[in-house]
Amino acid sequence: MPRFDMMQLLEAEMRLERTSALARLGDRLQKAIDETRALAERLRDEPPGEQRLRLLQQHQEARQRADRDRFYLIVQREALGLTEHAVVDEIYPLPPAAR
């Protein structure tokens, strides 16, 4: 295979891996957001007590994971030259903190 074809193949593989990395980060972020929302829903119906405190702690942890994963997604986007991140907030809005 000529050297030029090998370079094109390598560049295509690198683009594919970058795209895959973004997709994995987006999936992980969405999972944390979904978990946060589900816990918020359970919290709405939970009366005060130990179970509510456990749910609140789980909600806070899930929301922290979502916030961290959002940060990782933005870092990966910036590494690819994508500097406008409003789309991340539109696609992956972080749920509010629970009380």
C-alpha atoms as a PDB file:
ATOM      1  CA  MET A   1       0.000   0.000   0.000  1.00  0.00           C
ATOM      2  CA  PRO A   2       1.444   3.400  -0.945  1.00  0.00           C
ATOM      3  CA  ARG A   3       2.523   5.691   1.892  1.00  0.00           C
ATOM      4  CA  PHE A   4      -0.176   8.266   1.013  1.00  0.00           C
ATOM      5  CA  ASP A   5      -2.916   5.633   1.343  1.00  0.00           C
ATOM      6  CA  MET A   6      -1.521   4.518   4.701  1.00  0.00           C
ATOM      7  CA  MET A   7      -1.620   8.107   5.989  1.00  0.00           C
ATOM      8  CA  GLN A   8      -5.213   8.502   4.845  1.00  0.00           C
ATOM      9  CA  LEU A   9      -6.125   5.236   6.535  1.00  0.00           C
ATOM     10  CA  LEU A  10      -4.413   6.308   9.764  1.00  0.00           C
ATOM     11  CA  GLU A  11      -6.157   9.708   9.695  1.00  0.00           C
ATOM     12  CA  ALA A  12      -9.529   8.026   9.142  1.00  0.00           C
ATOM     13  CA  GLU A  13      -8.906   5.698  12.101  1.00  0.00           C
ATOM     14  CA  MET A  14      -7.984   8.664  14.294  1.00  0.00           C
ATOM     15  CA  ARG A  15     -11.168  10.535  13.307  1.00  0.00           C
ATOM     16  CA  LEU A  16     -13.209   7.439  14.077  1.00  0.00           C
ATOM     17  CA  GLU A  17     -11.598   7.048  17.509  1.00  0.00           C
ATOM     18  CA  ARG A  18     -12.191  10.721  18.343  1.00  0.00           C
ATOM     19  CA  THR A  19     -15.829  10.386  17.346  1.00  0.00           C
ATOM     20  CA  SER A  20     -16.173   7.212  19.390  1.00  0.00           C
ATOM     21  CA  ALA A  21     -14.612   8.876  22.441  1.00  0.00           C
ATOM     22  CA  LEU A  22     -17.096  11.760  22.218  1.00  0.00           C
ATOM     23  CA  ALA A  23     -19.983   9.314  21.885  1.00  0.00           C
ATOM     24  CA  ARG A  24     -18.846   7.307  24.925  1.00  0.00           C
ATOM     25  CA  LEU A  25     -18.521  10.467  27.013  1.00  0.00           C
ATOM     26  CA  GLY A  26     -21.944  11.653  25.875  1.00  0.00           C
ATOM     27  CA  ASP A  27     -23.488   8.293  26.762  1.00  0.00           C
ATOM     28  CA  ARG A  28     -21.872   8.326  30.196  1.00  0.00           C
ATOM     29  CA  LEU A  29     -23.055  11.892  30.806  1.00  0.00           C
ATOM     30  CA  GLN A  30     -26.607  11.036  29.734  1.00  0.00           C
ATOM     31  CA  LYS A  31     -26.648   8.031  32.050  1.00  0.00           C
ATOM     32  CA  ALA A  32     -25.619  10.201  35.025  1.00  0.00           C
ATOM     33  CA  ILE A  33     -28.256  12.807  34.104  1.00  0.00           C
ATOM     34  CA  ASP A  34     -30.949  10.129  33.816  1.00  0.00           C
ATOM     35  CA  GLU A  35     -29.958   8.682  37.188  1.00  0.00           C
ATOM     36  CA  THR A  36     -30.055  12.157  38.761  1.00  0.00           C
ATOM     37  CA  ARG A  37     -33.542  12.793  37.362  1.00  0.00           C
ATOM     38  CA  ALA A  38     -34.837   9.412  38.537  1.00  0.00           C
ATOM     39  CA  LEU A  39     -33.532  10.046  42.034  1.00  0.00           C
ATOM     40  CA  ALA A  40     -35.095  13.526  42.039  1.00  0.00           C
ATOM     41  CA  GLU A  41     -38.428  11.946  41.134  1.00  0.00           C
ATOM     42  CA  ARG A  42     -38.138   9.490  44.010  1.00  0.00           C
ATOM     43  CA  LEU A  43     -37.178  12.311  46.378  1.00  0.00           C
ATOM     44  CA  ARG A  44     -40.374  14.227  45.569  1.00  0.00           C
ATOM     45  CA  ASP A  45     -42.503  11.459  47.070  1.00  0.00           C
ATOM     46  CA  GLU A  46     -40.221  10.465  49.939  1.00  0.00           C
ATOM     47  CA  PRO A  47     -41.214  11.711  53.392  1.00  0.00           C
ATOM     48  CA  PRO A  48     -38.535  13.067  55.757  1.00  0.00           C
ATOM     49  CA  GLY A  49     -36.384  10.386  57.337  1.00  0.00           C
ATOM     50  CA  GLU A  50     -33.343   8.185  56.826  1.00  0.00           C
ATOM     51  CA  GLN A  51     -34.443   6.881  53.416  1.00  0.00           C
ATOM     52  CA  ARG A  52     -34.880  10.447  52.141  1.00  0.00           C
ATOM     53  CA  LEU A  53     -31.378  11.323  53.383  1.00  0.00           C
ATOM     54  CA  ARG A  54     -29.942   8.300  51.547  1.00  0.00           C
ATOM     55  CA  LEU A  55     -31.766   9.270  48.370  1.00  0.00           C
ATOM     56  CA  LEU A  56     -30.548  12.838  48.708  1.00  0.00           C
ATOM     57  CA  GLN A  57     -26.952  11.631  49.057  1.00  0.00           C
ATOM     58  CA  GLN A  58     -27.338   9.382  45.999  1.00  0.00           C
ATOM     59  CA  HIS A  59     -28.833  12.288  44.053  1.00  0.00           C
ATOM     60  CA  GLN A  60     -25.925  14.552  44.980  1.00  0.00           C
ATOM     61  CA  GLU A  61     -23.403  11.886  43.943  1.00  0.00           C
ATOM     62  CA  ALA A  62     -25.155  11.265  40.618  1.00  0.00           C
ATOM     63  CA  ARG A  63     -25.319  15.000  39.915  1.00  0.00           C
ATOM     64  CA  GLN A  64     -21.602  15.331  40.735  1.00  0.00           C
ATOM     65  CA  ARG A  65     -20.864  12.505  38.271  1.00  0.00           C
ATOM     66  CA  ALA A  66     -22.924  14.286  35.640  1.00  0.00           C
ATOM     67  CA  ASP A  67     -21.078  17.545  36.267  1.00  0.00           C
ATOM     68  CA  ARG A  68     -17.707  15.764  36.081  1.00  0.00           C
ATOM     69  CA  ASP A  69     -18.666  13.904  32.898  1.00  0.00           C
ATOM     70  CA  ARG A  70     -19.874  17.181  31.346  1.00  0.00           C
ATOM     71  CA  PHE A  71     -16.441  18.662  32.115  1.00  0.00           C
ATOM     72  CA  TYR A  72     -14.689  15.670  30.502  1.00  0.00           C
ATOM     73  CA  LEU A  73     -16.892  16.010  27.409  1.00  0.00           C
ATOM     74  CA  ILE A  74     -16.013  19.694  27.096  1.00  0.00           C
ATOM     75  CA  VAL A  75     -12.297  18.965  27.496  1.00  0.00           C
ATOM     76  CA  GLN A  76     -12.505  16.309  24.767  1.00  0.00           C
ATOM     77  CA  ARG A  77     -14.400  18.714  22.493  1.00  0.00           C
ATOM     78  CA  GLU A  78     -11.778  21.401  23.041  1.00  0.00           C
ATOM     79  CA  ALA A  79      -9.017  18.918  22.233  1.00  0.00           C
ATOM     80  CA  LEU A  80     -10.751  18.440  18.880  1.00  0.00           C
ATOM     81  CA  GLY A  81     -10.966  22.187  18.271  1.00  0.00           C
ATOM     82  CA  LEU A  82     -14.647  22.542  19.175  1.00  0.00           C
ATOM     83  CA  THR A  83     -14.800  25.606  21.397  1.00  0.00           C
ATOM     84  CA  GLU A  84     -18.519  26.481  21.363  1.00  0.00           C
ATOM     85  CA  HIS A  85     -20.107  24.510  24.192  1.00  0.00           C
ATOM     86  CA  ALA A  86     -23.635  25.915  24.366  1.00  0.00           C
ATOM     87  CA  VAL A  87     -24.737  22.851  22.412  1.00  0.00           C
ATOM     88  CA  VAL A  88     -23.549  20.650  25.296  1.00  0.00           C
ATOM     89  CA  ASP A  89     -25.885  22.492  27.673  1.00  0.00           C
ATOM     90  CA  GLU A  90     -28.742  22.183  25.180  1.00  0.00           C
ATOM     91  CA  ILE A  91     -28.292  18.452  24.660  1.00  0.00           C
ATOM     92  CA  TYR A  92     -27.241  17.561  28.209  1.00  0.00           C
ATOM     93  CA  PRO A  93     -28.875  20.014  30.651  1.00  0.00           C
ATOM     94  CA  LEU A  94     -27.831  19.304  34.226  1.00  0.00           C
ATOM     95  CA  PRO A  95     -30.778  18.778  36.579  1.00  0.00           C
ATOM     96  CA  PRO A  96     -30.971  21.189  39.521  1.00  0.00           C
ATOM     97  CA  ALA A  97     -29.599  20.199  42.882  1.00  0.00           C
ATOM     98  CA  ALA A  98     -32.144  18.562  45.175  1.00  0.00           C
ATOM     99  CA  ARG A  99     -33.004  19.739  48.653  1.00  0.00           C
END
